[in-house]
Structure formats: C-alpha cells, structure tokens
C-alpha cells in the first residue's frame, strides 16, 4: 500500500485492525479482535517496565482505529521479545501488531530518524562483508 505523506487525507485512511490481520506476519489465530484489555501483556512487558511503552494501550488504539499510534514515538520501544504473546489469554500479540504499525510509519516516511542507524549499519555490513569468500 502506498501511503505517501498524505496521512491526513481520508483517501489514505486505513483500518488498522484489518491491516494487521492481513499482514503476512499475522498467524491465522491472532486474537487481535478478541482482546479483553486484561493488561497481562503490559504487566510482563520489559519495555513497559523500563519505558513509557504500553502494549495494552497500543492494542486499544489499534482497535479504535486511532491512527495517531503510527506517529507515536512509543512504538519504537518494543523489544520484540514476544512476552506479550506468550501470556495473552486470547493469543494476541502486541509485538506483532507493533511490527505492522512500525512498517506503516516507515512506508509513510514518518520513521526516517528512527531507522537511520539501522540503515547505516546495513550499508556498512554489505560494504565490508565479502559474501562470496566468507
């Protein structure tokens, strides 16, 4: 999907839940729409313990189709440890949902400063690694 930078234009508005459920990363039994907001994900999340990231709030914003989550700096605090998924009673994964939200931010050009260090690392890795004579 091409979002360009027209994030406020209704023709680029998306349904966040559908976007996540249709993602290639999403398992068929992802319990996104079954979330009961119990808070188990947040209670054991290491990112929530050390930052202001809150997986339960992330899922609530997704279910309410609150696109402000795409521009929220907190989405970059998730460690992708999948602890949230391992404790969720309905097999939801805030971690996986966060990955899709991050990708939407990247596609919209919102996340350039957040991914810049990774791009530099990747470019350096490919420049100095000899793939054929490893």
Protein backbone atom coordinates (compact mmCIF):
# COMPACT_ATOMS: atom_id res chain seq x y z
CA UNK A 1 0.00 0.00 0.00
CA UNK A 2 1.40 3.40 -0.92
CA UNK A 3 0.68 5.95 1.80
CA UNK A 4 2.90 8.76 0.53
CA UNK A 5 2.95 11.56 3.07
CA UNK A 6 -0.78 12.30 2.86
CA UNK A 7 -1.50 10.86 6.28
CA UNK A 8 -4.31 13.32 6.98
CA UNK A 9 -6.08 12.77 3.65
CA UNK A 10 -9.12 10.47 4.01
CA UNK A 11 -8.30 8.60 0.80
CA UNK A 12 -5.20 7.24 2.57
CA UNK A 13 -7.05 6.36 5.76
CA UNK A 14 -6.76 2.70 6.68
CA UNK A 15 -8.36 0.22 9.04
CA UNK A 16 -5.53 -0.64 11.41
CA UNK A 17 -7.05 -3.93 12.61
CA UNK A 18 -7.51 -5.19 9.05
CA UNK A 19 -4.04 -4.02 8.10
CA UNK A 20 -2.55 -6.10 10.93
CA UNK A 21 -4.74 -9.18 10.41
CA UNK A 22 -3.96 -9.17 6.67
CA UNK A 23 -0.24 -8.81 7.29
CA UNK A 24 1.94 -11.68 6.14
CA UNK A 25 3.39 -11.90 9.68
CA UNK A 26 -0.02 -12.42 11.32
CA UNK A 27 -0.89 -16.00 12.22
CA UNK A 28 -4.42 -17.13 11.41
CA UNK A 29 -5.26 -17.46 15.10
CA UNK A 30 -4.08 -13.98 16.13
CA UNK A 31 -6.55 -12.82 18.78
CA UNK A 32 -6.42 -9.11 17.96
CA UNK A 33 -10.18 -8.66 17.76
CA UNK A 34 -10.68 -10.78 20.88
CA UNK A 35 -8.58 -8.55 23.14
CA UNK A 36 -10.24 -8.15 26.54
CA UNK A 37 -7.83 -5.42 27.71
CA UNK A 38 -6.79 -7.55 30.72
CA UNK A 39 -3.32 -5.99 30.85
CA UNK A 40 -1.33 -9.22 31.04
CA UNK A 41 0.77 -8.05 28.08
CA UNK A 42 1.74 -4.84 29.86
CA UNK A 43 2.31 -6.45 33.26
CA UNK A 44 5.17 -8.61 31.97
CA UNK A 45 6.49 -6.45 29.13
CA UNK A 46 10.15 -5.47 29.70
CA UNK A 47 9.72 -2.37 27.54
CA UNK A 48 6.74 -1.27 29.65
CA UNK A 49 8.83 -1.79 32.79
CA UNK A 50 11.63 0.47 31.55
CA UNK A 51 9.93 2.96 29.21
CA UNK A 52 6.51 4.51 28.72
CA UNK A 53 5.57 1.85 26.14
CA UNK A 54 2.25 0.15 26.93
CA UNK A 55 1.17 -2.83 24.79
CA UNK A 56 -2.40 -2.69 26.10
CA UNK A 57 -2.72 0.96 25.04
CA UNK A 58 -1.24 0.09 21.64
CA UNK A 59 -3.89 -2.59 21.06
CA UNK A 60 -6.67 -0.29 22.33
CA UNK A 61 -5.62 2.41 19.84
CA UNK A 62 -5.48 -0.13 17.03
CA UNK A 63 -8.94 -1.46 17.85
CA UNK A 64 -10.26 2.12 17.99
CA UNK A 65 -8.55 2.82 14.64
CA UNK A 66 -6.64 5.68 16.24
CA UNK A 67 -4.03 6.42 13.59
CA UNK A 68 -2.10 8.67 15.98
CA UNK A 69 -0.37 5.48 17.14
CA UNK A 70 1.52 5.41 13.83
CA UNK A 71 3.31 8.66 14.74
CA UNK A 72 3.78 7.83 18.43
CA UNK A 73 7.44 7.51 19.43
CA UNK A 74 6.49 4.85 21.98
CA UNK A 75 6.09 2.20 19.25
CA UNK A 76 9.89 2.18 18.89
CA UNK A 77 10.39 0.99 22.48
CA UNK A 78 9.13 -2.57 21.89
CA UNK A 79 11.96 -5.14 22.14
CA UNK A 80 10.14 -7.82 20.09
CA UNK A 81 10.59 -10.38 22.83
CA UNK A 82 7.05 -11.78 22.34
CA UNK A 83 6.43 -11.92 26.09
CA UNK A 84 3.05 -10.25 25.46
CA UNK A 85 2.04 -13.05 23.11
CA UNK A 86 3.19 -15.77 25.49
CA UNK A 87 0.93 -14.54 28.31
CA UNK A 88 -2.12 -13.40 26.35
CA UNK A 89 -5.23 -15.47 27.14
CA UNK A 90 -6.65 -14.86 23.62
CA UNK A 91 -3.36 -15.41 21.71
CA UNK A 92 -2.93 -11.77 20.79
CA UNK A 93 0.49 -10.31 20.04
CA UNK A 94 1.05 -6.63 20.68
CA UNK A 95 4.58 -7.25 19.45
CA UNK A 96 3.41 -8.41 16.05
CA UNK A 97 0.84 -5.60 15.83
CA UNK A 98 3.62 -3.16 16.68
CA UNK A 99 5.75 -4.50 13.82
CA UNK A 100 2.98 -3.74 11.33
CA UNK A 101 2.42 -0.28 12.83
CA UNK A 102 6.15 0.44 12.53
CA UNK A 103 6.10 -0.66 8.89
CA UNK A 104 3.20 1.69 8.18
CA UNK A 105 5.20 4.50 9.80
CA UNK A 106 8.19 3.63 7.61
CA UNK A 107 6.02 3.46 4.48
CA UNK A 108 4.57 6.89 5.27
CA UNK A 109 8.03 8.39 5.73
CA UNK A 110 7.38 9.17 9.40
CA UNK A 111 10.16 6.99 10.81
CA UNK A 112 13.23 8.16 8.93
CA UNK A 113 15.11 9.27 12.04
CA UNK A 114 14.20 6.06 13.89
CA UNK A 115 15.52 3.71 11.22
CA UNK A 116 18.53 5.77 10.13
CA UNK A 117 21.01 3.96 12.46
CA UNK A 118 19.85 0.58 11.14
CA UNK A 119 20.24 1.67 7.53
CA UNK A 120 23.77 2.86 8.24
CA UNK A 121 24.58 -0.48 9.90
CA UNK A 122 23.15 -2.41 6.95
CA UNK A 123 25.06 -0.35 4.41
CA UNK A 124 28.31 -0.82 6.35
CA UNK A 125 27.70 -4.54 6.71
CA UNK A 126 27.15 -5.03 2.99
CA UNK A 127 30.05 -2.76 2.04
CA UNK A 128 32.66 -4.60 4.12
CA UNK A 129 31.41 -8.17 4.16
CA UNK A 130 32.68 -10.35 1.34
CA UNK A 131 29.73 -12.69 0.74
CA UNK A 132 31.45 -14.86 -1.83
CA UNK A 133 34.67 -15.62 0.03
CA UNK A 134 33.28 -15.87 3.56
